[in-house]
Amino acid sequence: MEDNNTKQPLVSSIDEEQLVPQLSGQRYLSSHSFTSSFVADGDDDIAPITGIEGFVKAFNVESKKLWYLAGPAIFTSVCQYSLGAITQTFAGHIGTLELAAFSIENTVIAGLSYGVMWGMGSALETLCGQAYGAGQIDMLGVYMQRSWVILLATSVLLTLIYVFAEPILLLLGQDKDISRVAAQYSLWMIPQLYAYAMNFPIAKFLQAQSKIMAMAWISAVALVLHVLFSWLFMLRLGWGMAGGAWVLNLSWWFIVVGQLVYIFSGTCDRAWSGFSWQAFQNLWGFVKLSIWTFTKRNIMLSQEWCIKITKSILIDFSILSTN
């Protein structure tokens, strides 16, 4: 990469190595967040508000801009979150043990992996927002690929949690029968973990370009198909939780593949110019930023996760004792 003073790429060999260490966390996120890409410039800003009528008018204008981005993003998150909830609902029609076991797997094992992938993938929100705001559109694809490398490597480590789910759940005080069945489900759900690793960088990549509607449509189609095939394989054909696990895996990979097809079709223009060896450069600096972002964003999430674990254990014990 050429070293010139006129218009250096966002991640030159010097800049990128100094990017994470030199900027403190809070200052970095506040000055280079995704929202910085949507700050109005000069004449595009609203006029000074001098009265109630001006306030209402400005409020309506800004609300439309906000919901244009936030609405599809919220809808996408609801659709993706509902995938596991739908499978859990159908599990209740199979049996109480199956419901309790899948609830534990979905909350403890998959929930932990989701939090780690989401937290580390959020580093891309910072960098893609900075690149887009600086006009370095061609770096968005490089950042996404670099995040893939790091998250897929992290997924390999997290796979151990899925493999050793039974002793982990027993250590947390879970019932033996529930731990045994939940451990079996965990092995079936390993493909979902790698879908997480691919999906979160793609989401930040598309969000930085305001291509939220594509994500919303793909997630909506995935949810509809997920409901249909969950009913078909879990109940109608009698495949039980094995069918539910594979439908859930395929639903997440449908979202990933659908978004990749959208990206590779040329709709992202300069943001995606193909696979690049730059994705393997300065990985350590990217890892440090990912870990820092994960730590910051998962402080509250970890508290919520512990509460969910406690609730799930108490609920499962009550289900078994009732039966």
C-alpha atoms as a PDB file:
ATOM      1  CA  MET A   1       0.000   0.000   0.000  1.00  0.00           C
ATOM      2  CA  GLU A   2       1.481   3.295  -1.026  1.00  0.00           C
ATOM      3  CA  ASP A   3       2.528   5.795   1.593  1.00  0.00           C
ATOM      4  CA  ASN A   4       1.412   9.265   0.517  1.00  0.00           C
ATOM      5  CA  ASN A   5       0.224  12.302   2.385  1.00  0.00           C
ATOM      6  CA  THR A   6      -2.702  13.149   0.178  1.00  0.00           C
ATOM      7  CA  LYS A   7      -5.170  10.378   0.683  1.00  0.00           C
ATOM      8  CA  GLN A   8      -3.905   7.415   2.670  1.00  0.00           C
ATOM      9  CA  PRO A   9      -6.085   4.325   3.022  1.00  0.00           C
ATOM     10  CA  LEU A  10      -7.664   3.892   6.395  1.00  0.00           C
ATOM     11  CA  VAL A  11      -5.501   0.930   7.303  1.00  0.00           C
ATOM     12  CA  SER A  12      -2.016   1.539   6.059  1.00  0.00           C
ATOM     13  CA  SER A  13       0.766  -0.433   7.681  1.00  0.00           C
ATOM     14  CA  ILE A  14       1.450   2.468  10.052  1.00  0.00           C
ATOM     15  CA  ASP A  15      -2.031   3.767  10.759  1.00  0.00           C
ATOM     16  CA  GLU A  16      -3.662   0.423  11.414  1.00  0.00           C
ATOM     17  CA  GLU A  17      -0.997  -0.795  13.822  1.00  0.00           C
ATOM     18  CA  GLN A  18      -1.425   2.357  15.872  1.00  0.00           C
ATOM     19  CA  LEU A  19      -5.202   2.451  15.547  1.00  0.00           C
ATOM     20  CA  VAL A  20      -6.132   0.427  18.620  1.00  0.00           C
ATOM     21  CA  PRO A  21      -3.343   1.209  21.102  1.00  0.00           C
ATOM     22  CA  GLN A  22      -3.356   4.968  20.628  1.00  0.00           C
ATOM     23  CA  LEU A  23      -7.072   5.516  21.022  1.00  0.00           C
ATOM     24  CA  SER A  24      -8.716   4.813  24.323  1.00  0.00           C
ATOM     25  CA  GLY A  25     -11.919   2.830  24.182  1.00  0.00           C
ATOM     26  CA  GLN A  26     -14.549   5.396  25.041  1.00  0.00           C
ATOM     27  CA  ARG A  27     -12.909   8.132  23.013  1.00  0.00           C
ATOM     28  CA  TYR A  28     -12.498   5.811  20.050  1.00  0.00           C
ATOM     29  CA  LEU A  29     -16.087   4.649  19.950  1.00  0.00           C
ATOM     30  CA  SER A  30     -17.501   8.113  20.492  1.00  0.00           C
ATOM     31  CA  SER A  31     -15.500   9.583  17.612  1.00  0.00           C
ATOM     32  CA  HIS A  32     -15.571   6.656  15.153  1.00  0.00           C
ATOM     33  CA  SER A  33     -18.887   4.951  15.733  1.00  0.00           C
ATOM     34  CA  PHE A  34     -21.334   3.824  13.097  1.00  0.00           C
ATOM     35  CA  THR A  35     -23.519   6.812  13.827  1.00  0.00           C
ATOM     36  CA  SER A  36     -20.793   9.173  12.648  1.00  0.00           C
ATOM     37  CA  SER A  37     -21.625   8.132   9.090  1.00  0.00           C
ATOM     38  CA  PHE A  38     -25.010   9.810   9.404  1.00  0.00           C
ATOM     39  CA  VAL A  39     -24.090  13.159  10.933  1.00  0.00           C
ATOM     40  CA  ALA A  40     -25.592  15.903   8.842  1.00  0.00           C
ATOM     41  CA  ASP A  41     -23.260  18.344   7.150  1.00  0.00           C
ATOM     42  CA  GLY A  42     -23.762  22.071   7.026  1.00  0.00           C
ATOM     43  CA  ASP A  43     -26.780  22.883   4.904  1.00  0.00           C
ATOM     44  CA  ASP A  44     -28.376  19.469   5.545  1.00  0.00           C
ATOM     45  CA  ASP A  45     -28.737  20.177   9.258  1.00  0.00           C
ATOM     46  CA  ILE A  46     -32.015  21.373  10.719  1.00  0.00           C
ATOM     47  CA  ALA A  47     -32.658  25.078  11.207  1.00  0.00           C
ATOM     48  CA  PRO A  48     -32.561  26.541  14.727  1.00  0.00           C
ATOM     49  CA  ILE A  49     -35.751  25.732  16.643  1.00  0.00           C
ATOM     50  CA  THR A  50     -37.508  28.855  17.872  1.00  0.00           C
ATOM     51  CA  GLY A  51     -40.939  27.595  18.912  1.00  0.00           C
ATOM     52  CA  ILE A  52     -43.291  24.659  19.449  1.00  0.00           C
ATOM     53  CA  GLU A  53     -44.203  24.458  15.760  1.00  0.00           C
ATOM     54  CA  GLY A  54     -40.553  24.338  14.760  1.00  0.00           C
ATOM     55  CA  PHE A  55     -39.880  21.674  17.351  1.00  0.00           C
ATOM     56  CA  VAL A  56     -42.714  19.459  16.103  1.00  0.00           C
ATOM     57  CA  LYS A  57     -41.597  19.860  12.501  1.00  0.00           C
ATOM     58  CA  ALA A  58     -37.975  19.051  13.320  1.00  0.00           C
ATOM     59  CA  PHE A  59     -39.063  16.125  15.490  1.00  0.00           C
ATOM     60  CA  ASN A  60     -41.073  14.621  12.629  1.00  0.00           C
ATOM     61  CA  VAL A  61     -38.224  15.045  10.144  1.00  0.00           C
ATOM     62  CA  GLU A  62     -35.621  13.510  12.427  1.00  0.00           C
ATOM     63  CA  SER A  63     -37.960  10.709  13.490  1.00  0.00           C
ATOM     64  CA  LYS A  64     -38.454   9.685   9.855  1.00  0.00           C
ATOM     65  CA  LYS A  65     -34.697   9.581   9.345  1.00  0.00           C
ATOM     66  CA  LEU A  66     -34.225   7.569  12.533  1.00  0.00           C
ATOM     67  CA  TRP A  67     -36.924   5.001  11.820  1.00  0.00           C
ATOM     68  CA  TYR A  68     -35.771   4.636   8.221  1.00  0.00           C
ATOM     69  CA  LEU A  69     -32.640   3.031   9.680  1.00  0.00           C
ATOM     70  CA  ALA A  70     -33.818   1.752  13.052  1.00  0.00           C
ATOM     71  CA  GLY A  71     -37.097   0.182  11.897  1.00  0.00           C
ATOM     72  CA  PRO A  72     -35.611  -2.438   9.555  1.00  0.00           C
ATOM     73  CA  ALA A  73     -32.737  -3.050  11.999  1.00  0.00           C
ATOM     74  CA  ILE A  74     -35.182  -3.768  14.836  1.00  0.00           C
ATOM     75  CA  PHE A  75     -37.261  -5.998  12.574  1.00  0.00           C
ATOM     76  CA  THR A  76     -34.124  -7.928  11.543  1.00  0.00           C
ATOM     77  CA  SER A  77     -33.100  -8.495  15.157  1.00  0.00           C
ATOM     78  CA  VAL A  78     -36.594  -9.668  16.104  1.00  0.00           C
ATOM     79  CA  CYS A  79     -36.690 -12.131  13.191  1.00  0.00           C
ATOM     80  CA  GLN A  80     -33.291 -13.581  13.998  1.00  0.00           C
ATOM     81  CA  TYR A  81     -33.998 -13.823  17.712  1.00  0.00           C
ATOM     82  CA  SER A  82     -37.321 -15.523  16.979  1.00  0.00           C
ATOM     83  CA  LEU A  83     -35.648 -18.456  15.221  1.00  0.00           C
ATOM     84  CA  GLY A  84     -34.564 -20.081  18.486  1.00  0.00           C
ATOM     85  CA  ALA A  85     -37.831 -19.104  20.182  1.00  0.00           C
ATOM     86  CA  ILE A  86     -39.870 -20.824  17.469  1.00  0.00           C
ATOM     87  CA  THR A  87     -37.835 -24.029  17.804  1.00  0.00           C
ATOM     88  CA  GLN A  88     -38.254 -23.891  21.573  1.00  0.00           C
ATOM     89  CA  THR A  89     -42.010 -23.488  21.147  1.00  0.00           C
ATOM     90  CA  PHE A  90     -42.233 -26.591  18.956  1.00  0.00           C
ATOM     91  CA  ALA A  91     -40.020 -28.449  21.451  1.00  0.00           C
ATOM     92  CA  GLY A  92     -42.769 -27.988  24.016  1.00  0.00           C
ATOM     93  CA  HIS A  93     -45.077 -30.075  21.793  1.00  0.00           C
ATOM     94  CA  ILE A  94     -42.607 -32.975  21.852  1.00  0.00           C
ATOM     95  CA  GLY A  95     -42.053 -33.372  25.582  1.00  0.00           C
ATOM     96  CA  THR A  96     -41.156 -31.608  28.818  1.00  0.00           C
ATOM     97  CA  LEU A  97     -37.633 -33.027  28.925  1.00  0.00           C
ATOM     98  CA  GLU A  98     -37.001 -31.902  25.352  1.00  0.00           C
ATOM     99  CA  LEU A  99     -38.345 -28.436  26.153  1.00  0.00           C
ATOM    100  CA  ALA A 100     -36.185 -28.111  29.259  1.00  0.00           C
ATOM    101  CA  ALA A 101     -33.062 -29.402  27.522  1.00  0.00           C
ATOM    102  CA  PHE A 102     -33.408 -27.182  24.473  1.00  0.00           C
ATOM    103  CA  SER A 103     -34.157 -24.202  26.712  1.00  0.00           C
ATOM    104  CA  ILE A 104     -30.887 -24.781  28.566  1.00  0.00           C
ATOM    105  CA  GLU A 105     -28.888 -25.286  25.360  1.00  0.00           C
ATOM    106  CA  ASN A 106     -30.404 -22.218  23.726  1.00  0.00           C
ATOM    107  CA  THR A 107     -29.884 -20.039  26.807  1.00  0.00           C
ATOM    108  CA  VAL A 108     -26.567 -21.222  28.238  1.00  0.00           C
ATOM    109  CA  ILE A 109     -24.494 -22.730  25.425  1.00  0.00           C
ATOM    110  CA  ALA A 110     -25.826 -20.913  22.348  1.00  0.00           C
ATOM    111  CA  GLY A 111     -26.531 -17.786  24.410  1.00  0.00           C
ATOM    112  CA  LEU A 112     -22.917 -17.544  25.539  1.00  0.00           C
ATOM    113  CA  SER A 113     -21.641 -18.067  21.998  1.00  0.00           C
ATOM    114  CA  TYR A 114     -24.062 -15.477  20.657  1.00  0.00           C
ATOM    115  CA  GLY A 115     -22.818 -12.921  23.177  1.00  0.00           C
ATOM    116  CA  VAL A 116     -19.165 -13.542  22.357  1.00  0.00           C
ATOM    117  CA  MET A 117     -19.744 -13.379  18.583  1.00  0.00           C
ATOM    118  CA  TRP A 118     -21.914 -10.285  18.860  1.00  0.00           C
ATOM    119  CA  GLY A 119     -19.477  -8.499  21.148  1.00  0.00           C
ATOM    120  CA  MET A 120     -16.383  -9.226  19.061  1.00  0.00           C
ATOM    121  CA  GLY A 121     -18.208  -8.563  15.801  1.00  0.00           C
ATOM    122  CA  SER A 122     -19.185  -5.123  17.074  1.00  0.00           C
ATOM    123  CA  ALA A 123     -15.598  -3.989  16.531  1.00  0.00           C
ATOM    124  CA  LEU A 124     -16.485  -3.910  12.851  1.00  0.00           C
ATOM    125  CA  GLU A 125     -19.170  -1.330  13.575  1.00  0.00           C
ATOM    126  CA  THR A 126     -16.469   1.071  14.711  1.00  0.00           C
ATOM    127  CA  LEU A 127     -14.111   0.480  11.807  1.00  0.00           C
ATOM    128  CA  CYS A 128     -16.712   0.319   9.044  1.00  0.00           C
ATOM    129  CA  GLY A 129     -18.313   3.514  10.296  1.00  0.00           C
ATOM    130  CA  GLN A 130     -14.934   5.228  10.245  1.00  0.00           C
ATOM    131  CA  ALA A 131     -14.080   3.918   6.784  1.00  0.00           C
ATOM    132  CA  TYR A 132     -17.445   4.891   5.324  1.00  0.00           C
ATOM    133  CA  GLY A 133     -17.326   8.351   6.847  1.00  0.00           C
ATOM    134  CA  ALA A 134     -13.787   8.897   5.544  1.00  0.00           C
ATOM    135  CA  GLY A 135     -14.752   7.810   2.044  1.00  0.00           C
ATOM    136  CA  GLN A 136     -12.526   4.713   2.153  1.00  0.00           C
ATOM    137  CA  ILE A 137     -15.353   2.491   0.921  1.00  0.00           C
ATOM    138  CA  ASP A 138     -13.035  -0.162  -0.491  1.00  0.00           C
ATOM    139  CA  MET A 139     -11.789  -0.996   3.030  1.00  0.00           C
ATOM    140  CA  LEU A 140     -15.204  -2.185   4.255  1.00  0.00           C
ATOM    141  CA  GLY A 141     -14.821  -5.533   2.526  1.00  0.00           C
ATOM    142  CA  VAL A 142     -11.316  -5.989   3.915  1.00  0.00           C
ATOM    143  CA  TYR A 143     -12.531  -5.275   7.434  1.00  0.00           C
ATOM    144  CA  MET A 144     -15.376  -7.758   7.059  1.00  0.00           C
ATOM    145  CA  GLN A 145     -13.024 -10.497   5.875  1.00  0.00           C
ATOM    146  CA  ARG A 146     -10.624  -9.766   8.727  1.00  0.00           C
ATOM    147  CA  SER A 147     -13.459 -10.044  11.204  1.00  0.00           C
ATOM    148  CA  TRP A 148     -14.444 -13.373   9.636  1.00  0.00           C
ATOM    149  CA  VAL A 149     -10.952 -14.713  10.237  1.00  0.00           C
ATOM    150  CA  ILE A 150     -10.966 -13.691  13.901  1.00  0.00           C
ATOM    151  CA  LEU A 151     -14.521 -14.814  14.669  1.00  0.00           C
ATOM    152  CA  LEU A 152     -14.117 -18.155  12.907  1.00  0.00           C
ATOM    153  CA  ALA A 153     -10.941 -18.779  14.910  1.00  0.00           C
ATOM    154  CA  THR A 154     -12.833 -17.855  18.080  1.00  0.00           C
ATOM    155  CA  SER A 155     -15.593 -20.264  17.062  1.00  0.00           C
ATOM    156  CA  VAL A 156     -13.091 -23.110  17.001  1.00  0.00           C
ATOM    157  CA  LEU A 157     -12.322 -22.382  20.655  1.00  0.00           C
ATOM    158  CA  LEU A 158     -15.994 -22.035  21.561  1.00  0.00           C
ATOM    159  CA  THR A 159     -16.688 -25.414  19.962  1.00  0.00           C
ATOM    160  CA  LEU A 160     -15.124 -26.961  23.061  1.00  0.00           C
ATOM    161  CA  ILE A 161     -18.040 -25.603  25.110  1.00  0.00           C
ATOM    162  CA  TYR A 162     -20.461 -27.452  22.825  1.00  0.00           C
ATOM    163  CA  VAL A 163     -18.421 -30.662  22.997  1.00  0.00           C
ATOM    164  CA  PHE A 164     -18.129 -30.586  26.793  1.00  0.00           C
ATOM    165  CA  ALA A 165     -21.600 -29.167  27.436  1.00  0.00           C
ATOM    166  CA  GLU A 166     -22.684 -31.970  29.776  1.00  0.00           C
ATOM    167  CA  PRO A 167     -19.946 -31.541  32.424  1.00  0.00           C
ATOM    168  CA  ILE A 168     -20.317 -27.756  32.179  1.00  0.00           C
ATOM    169  CA  LEU A 169     -24.061 -27.943  32.826  1.00  0.00           C
ATOM    170  CA  LEU A 170     -23.563 -30.390  35.676  1.00  0.00           C
ATOM    171  CA  LEU A 171     -21.018 -28.002  37.168  1.00  0.00           C
ATOM    172  CA  LEU A 172     -23.667 -25.265  37.020  1.00  0.00           C
ATOM    173  CA  GLY A 173     -25.979 -27.500  39.063  1.00  0.00           C
ATOM    174  CA  GLN A 174     -28.255 -28.665  36.258  1.00  0.00           C
ATOM    175  CA  ASP A 175     -30.266 -31.892  36.427  1.00  0.00           C
ATOM    176  CA  LYS A 176     -28.465 -34.977  35.042  1.00  0.00           C
ATOM    177  CA  ASP A 177     -31.166 -35.931  32.532  1.00  0.00           C
ATOM    178  CA  ILE A 178     -31.484 -32.389  31.255  1.00  0.00           C
ATOM    179  CA  SER A 179     -27.698 -32.035  30.989  1.00  0.00           C
ATOM    180  CA  ARG A 180     -27.415 -35.262  29.022  1.00  0.00           C
ATOM    181  CA  VAL A 181     -30.098 -34.319  26.488  1.00  0.00           C
ATOM    182  CA  ALA A 182     -28.948 -30.698  26.264  1.00  0.00           C
ATOM    183  CA  ALA A 183     -25.400 -31.904  25.557  1.00  0.00           C
ATOM    184  CA  GLN A 184     -26.722 -33.923  22.615  1.00  0.00           C
ATOM    185  CA  TYR A 185     -28.519 -30.859  21.273  1.00  0.00           C
ATOM    186  CA  SER A 186     -25.341 -28.818  21.695  1.00  0.00           C
ATOM    187  CA  LEU A 187     -23.450 -31.146  19.364  1.00  0.00           C
ATOM    188  CA  TRP A 188     -26.202 -30.808  16.773  1.00  0.00           C
ATOM    189  CA  MET A 189     -26.080 -27.002  17.044  1.00  0.00           C
ATOM    190  CA  ILE A 190     -22.362 -26.542  16.302  1.00  0.00           C
ATOM    191  CA  PRO A 191     -23.082 -25.328  12.715  1.00  0.00           C
ATOM    192  CA  GLN A 192     -25.110 -22.463  14.204  1.00  0.00           C
ATOM    193  CA  LEU A 193     -21.990 -21.234  16.003  1.00  0.00           C
ATOM    194  CA  TYR A 194     -20.115 -20.784  12.726  1.00  0.00           C
ATOM    195  CA  ALA A 195     -23.139 -19.069  11.199  1.00  0.00           C
ATOM    196  CA  TYR A 196     -22.899 -16.523  14.033  1.00  0.00           C
ATOM    197  CA  ALA A 197     -19.242 -15.931  13.140  1.00  0.00           C
ATOM    198  CA  MET A 198     -20.179 -15.147   9.544  1.00  0.00           C
ATOM    199  CA  ASN A 199     -23.393 -13.247  10.185  1.00  0.00           C
ATOM    200  CA  PHE A 200     -22.312 -10.515  12.598  1.00  0.00           C
ATOM    201  CA  PRO A 201     -19.500  -9.087  10.420  1.00  0.00           C
ATOM    202  CA  ILE A 202     -21.856  -9.152   7.418  1.00  0.00           C
ATOM    203  CA  ALA A 203     -24.477  -7.277   9.431  1.00  0.00           C
ATOM    204  CA  LYS A 204     -22.048  -4.501  10.413  1.00  0.00           C
ATOM    205  CA  PHE A 205     -20.758  -4.334   6.832  1.00  0.00           C
ATOM    206  CA  LEU A 206     -24.262  -3.767   5.456  1.00  0.00           C
ATOM    207  CA  GLN A 207     -25.343  -1.441   8.270  1.00  0.00           C
ATOM    208  CA  ALA A 208     -22.428   0.889   7.591  1.00  0.00           C
ATOM    209  CA  GLN A 209     -23.823   1.359   4.061  1.00  0.00           C
ATOM    210  CA  SER A 210     -27.426   1.738   5.276  1.00  0.00           C
ATOM    211  CA  LYS A 211     -28.417  -1.427   3.398  1.00  0.00           C
ATOM    212  CA  ILE A 212     -30.744  -2.444   6.196  1.00  0.00           C
ATOM    213  CA  MET A 213     -33.747  -3.406   4.073  1.00  0.00           C
ATOM    214  CA  ALA A 214     -31.852  -6.260   2.418  1.00  0.00           C
ATOM    215  CA  MET A 215     -31.100  -7.744   5.839  1.00  0.00           C
ATOM    216  CA  ALA A 216     -34.734  -7.314   6.899  1.00  0.00           C
ATOM    217  CA  TRP A 217     -36.146  -9.081   3.833  1.00  0.00           C
ATOM    218  CA  ILE A 218     -33.706 -11.988   4.092  1.00  0.00           C
ATOM    219  CA  SER A 219     -34.413 -12.418   7.818  1.00  0.00           C
ATOM    220  CA  ALA A 220     -38.177 -12.265   7.218  1.00  0.00           C
ATOM    221  CA  VAL A 221     -38.029 -14.987   4.569  1.00  0.00           C
ATOM    222  CA  ALA A 222     -35.818 -17.086   6.848  1.00  0.00           C
ATOM    223  CA  LEU A 223     -38.321 -16.766   9.708  1.00  0.00           C
ATOM    224  CA  VAL A 224     -41.294 -17.801   7.563  1.00  0.00           C
ATOM    225  CA  LEU A 225     -39.425 -20.810   6.166  1.00  0.00           C
ATOM    226  CA  HIS A 226     -38.202 -21.680   9.649  1.00  0.00           C
ATOM    227  CA  VAL A 227     -41.734 -21.863  11.039  1.00  0.00           C
ATOM    228  CA  LEU A 228     -42.918 -23.970   8.104  1.00  0.00           C
ATOM    229  CA  PHE A 229     -40.063 -26.481   8.146  1.00  0.00           C
ATOM    230  CA  SER A 230     -39.953 -26.682  11.941  1.00  0.00           C
ATOM    231  CA  TRP A 231     -43.577 -27.784  11.957  1.00  0.00           C
ATOM    232  CA  LEU A 232     -42.954 -30.164   9.051  1.00  0.00           C
ATOM    233  CA  PHE A 233     -39.870 -31.933  10.385  1.00  0.00           C
ATOM    234  CA  MET A 234     -40.424 -31.737  14.141  1.00  0.00           C
ATOM    235  CA  LEU A 235     -44.123 -32.580  14.301  1.00  0.00           C
ATOM    236  CA  ARG A 236     -45.512 -33.709  10.974  1.00  0.00           C
ATOM    237  CA  LEU A 237     -42.685 -36.082   9.989  1.00  0.00           C
ATOM    238  CA  GLY A 238     -41.836 -36.923  13.594  1.00  0.00           C
ATOM    239  CA  TRP A 239     -38.110 -36.131  13.441  1.00  0.00           C
ATOM    240  CA  GLY A 240     -38.334 -34.516  16.866  1.00  0.00           C
ATOM    241  CA  MET A 241     -35.518 -32.368  18.196  1.00  0.00           C
ATOM    242  CA  ALA A 242     -33.040 -33.704  15.639  1.00  0.00           C
ATOM    243  CA  GLY A 243     -35.200 -32.176  12.911  1.00  0.00           C
ATOM    244  CA  GLY A 244     -35.562 -28.970  14.889  1.00  0.00           C
ATOM    245  CA  ALA A 245     -31.813 -28.643  15.344  1.00  0.00           C
ATOM    246  CA  TRP A 246     -31.058 -29.027  11.671  1.00  0.00           C
ATOM    247  CA  VAL A 247     -33.840 -26.663  10.633  1.00  0.00           C
ATOM    248  CA  LEU A 248     -32.462 -24.050  13.044  1.00  0.00           C
ATOM    249  CA  ASN A 249     -28.947 -24.518  11.665  1.00  0.00           C
ATOM    250  CA  LEU A 250     -30.157 -24.238   8.081  1.00  0.00           C
ATOM    251  CA  SER A 251     -32.216 -21.120   8.896  1.00  0.00           C
ATOM    252  CA  TRP A 252     -29.157 -19.306  10.215  1.00  0.00           C
ATOM    253  CA  TRP A 253     -27.076 -20.398   7.249  1.00  0.00           C
ATOM    254  CA  PHE A 254     -29.881 -19.311   4.919  1.00  0.00           C
ATOM    255  CA  ILE A 255     -29.500 -15.800   6.330  1.00  0.00           C
ATOM    256  CA  VAL A 256     -25.717 -15.905   5.886  1.00  0.00           C
ATOM    257  CA  VAL A 257     -25.840 -17.245   2.318  1.00  0.00           C
ATOM    258  CA  GLY A 258     -28.650 -14.863   1.355  1.00  0.00           C
ATOM    259  CA  GLN A 259     -26.662 -11.848   2.543  1.00  0.00           C
ATOM    260  CA  LEU A 260     -23.521 -13.101   0.798  1.00  0.00           C
ATOM    261  CA  VAL A 261     -25.418 -13.490  -2.483  1.00  0.00           C
ATOM    262  CA  TYR A 262     -26.666  -9.922  -2.064  1.00  0.00           C
ATOM    263  CA  ILE A 263     -23.120  -8.669  -1.466  1.00  0.00           C
ATOM    264  CA  PHE A 264     -21.485 -10.697  -4.245  1.00  0.00           C
ATOM    265  CA  SER A 265     -24.129  -9.614  -6.765  1.00  0.00           C
ATOM    266  CA  GLY A 266     -22.487  -6.188  -7.014  1.00  0.00           C
ATOM    267  CA  THR A 267     -25.013  -4.175  -5.017  1.00  0.00           C
ATOM    268  CA  CYS A 268     -22.288  -2.933  -2.654  1.00  0.00           C
ATOM    269  CA  ASP A 269     -20.166  -1.454  -5.466  1.00  0.00           C
ATOM    270  CA  ARG A 270     -16.715  -0.450  -4.139  1.00  0.00           C
ATOM    271  CA  ALA A 271     -17.371  -1.836  -0.664  1.00  0.00           C
ATOM    272  CA  TRP A 272     -16.858  -5.369  -1.972  1.00  0.00           C
ATOM    273  CA  SER A 273     -14.105  -5.899  -4.533  1.00  0.00           C
ATOM    274  CA  GLY A 274     -13.457  -9.571  -3.830  1.00  0.00           C
ATOM    275  CA  PHE A 275     -11.405 -11.569  -1.363  1.00  0.00           C
ATOM    276  CA  SER A 276      -8.093 -10.005  -0.363  1.00  0.00           C
ATOM    277  CA  TRP A 277      -4.922 -11.125   1.420  1.00  0.00           C
ATOM    278  CA  GLN A 278      -5.178  -7.884   3.399  1.00  0.00           C
ATOM    279  CA  ALA A 279      -7.648  -9.725   5.605  1.00  0.00           C
ATOM    280  CA  PHE A 280      -4.684 -11.527   7.175  1.00  0.00           C
ATOM    281  CA  GLN A 281      -2.674  -8.365   7.892  1.00  0.00           C
ATOM    282  CA  ASN A 282      -2.474  -6.760  11.341  1.00  0.00           C
ATOM    283  CA  LEU A 283      -4.722  -9.394  12.845  1.00  0.00           C
ATOM    284  CA  TRP A 284      -3.366  -8.792  16.348  1.00  0.00           C
ATOM    285  CA  GLY A 285      -4.456  -5.161  16.346  1.00  0.00           C
ATOM    286  CA  PHE A 286      -7.889  -6.225  15.162  1.00  0.00           C
ATOM    287  CA  VAL A 287      -8.040  -8.919  17.847  1.00  0.00           C
ATOM    288  CA  LYS A 288      -7.261  -6.383  20.577  1.00  0.00           C
ATOM    289  CA  LEU A 289     -10.020  -4.066  19.375  1.00  0.00           C
ATOM    290  CA  SER A 290     -12.458  -7.004  19.136  1.00  0.00           C
ATOM    291  CA  ILE A 291     -11.653  -8.154  22.678  1.00  0.00           C
ATOM    292  CA  TRP A 292     -11.961  -4.622  24.045  1.00  0.00           C
ATOM    293  CA  THR A 293     -15.320  -4.143  22.307  1.00  0.00           C
ATOM    294  CA  PHE A 294     -16.500  -7.547  23.508  1.00  0.00           C
ATOM    295  CA  THR A 295     -15.542  -6.699  27.103  1.00  0.00           C
ATOM    296  CA  LYS A 296     -17.257  -3.312  27.024  1.00  0.00           C
ATOM    297  CA  ARG A 297     -20.476  -4.472  25.417  1.00  0.00           C
ATOM    298  CA  ASN A 298     -20.869  -7.691  27.372  1.00  0.00           C
ATOM    299  CA  ILE A 299     -20.642  -6.322  30.917  1.00  0.00           C
ATOM    300  CA  MET A 300     -24.411  -5.871  31.066  1.00  0.00           C
ATOM    301  CA  LEU A 301     -25.009  -8.870  28.806  1.00  0.00           C
ATOM    302  CA  SER A 302     -23.089 -11.149  31.164  1.00  0.00           C
ATOM    303  CA  GLN A 303     -25.326 -10.087  34.055  1.00  0.00           C
ATOM    304  CA  GLU A 304     -28.408 -10.814  31.971  1.00  0.00           C
ATOM    305  CA  TRP A 305     -26.909 -14.157  30.926  1.00  0.00           C
ATOM    306  CA  CYS A 306     -26.388 -15.201  34.555  1.00  0.00           C
ATOM    307  CA  ILE A 307     -29.985 -14.264  35.365  1.00  0.00           C
ATOM    308  CA  LYS A 308     -31.227 -16.313  32.398  1.00  0.00           C
ATOM    309  CA  ILE A 309     -29.199 -19.325  33.527  1.00  0.00           C
ATOM    310  CA  THR A 310     -30.657 -19.132  37.025  1.00  0.00           C
ATOM    311  CA  LYS A 311     -34.199 -18.753  35.710  1.00  0.00           C
ATOM    312  CA  SER A 312     -33.780 -21.634  33.258  1.00  0.00           C
ATOM    313  CA  ILE A 313     -32.473 -23.969  35.955  1.00  0.00           C
ATOM    314  CA  LEU A 314     -35.330 -23.080  38.315  1.00  0.00           C
ATOM    315  CA  ILE A 315     -37.951 -23.436  35.570  1.00  0.00           C
ATOM    316  CA  ASP A 316     -36.562 -26.788  34.440  1.00  0.00           C
ATOM    317  CA  PHE A 317     -36.533 -28.140  37.976  1.00  0.00           C
ATOM    318  CA  SER A 318     -40.149 -27.038  38.416  1.00  0.00           C
ATOM    319  CA  ILE A 319     -41.144 -28.723  35.123  1.00  0.00           C
ATOM    320  CA  LEU A 320     -39.552 -32.012  36.134  1.00  0.00           C
ATOM    321  CA  SER A 321     -40.938 -31.919  39.645  1.00  0.00           C
ATOM    322  CA  THR A 322     -44.439 -31.237  38.311  1.00  0.00           C
ATOM    323  CA  ASN A 323     -44.242 -34.264  36.044  1.00  0.00           C
END
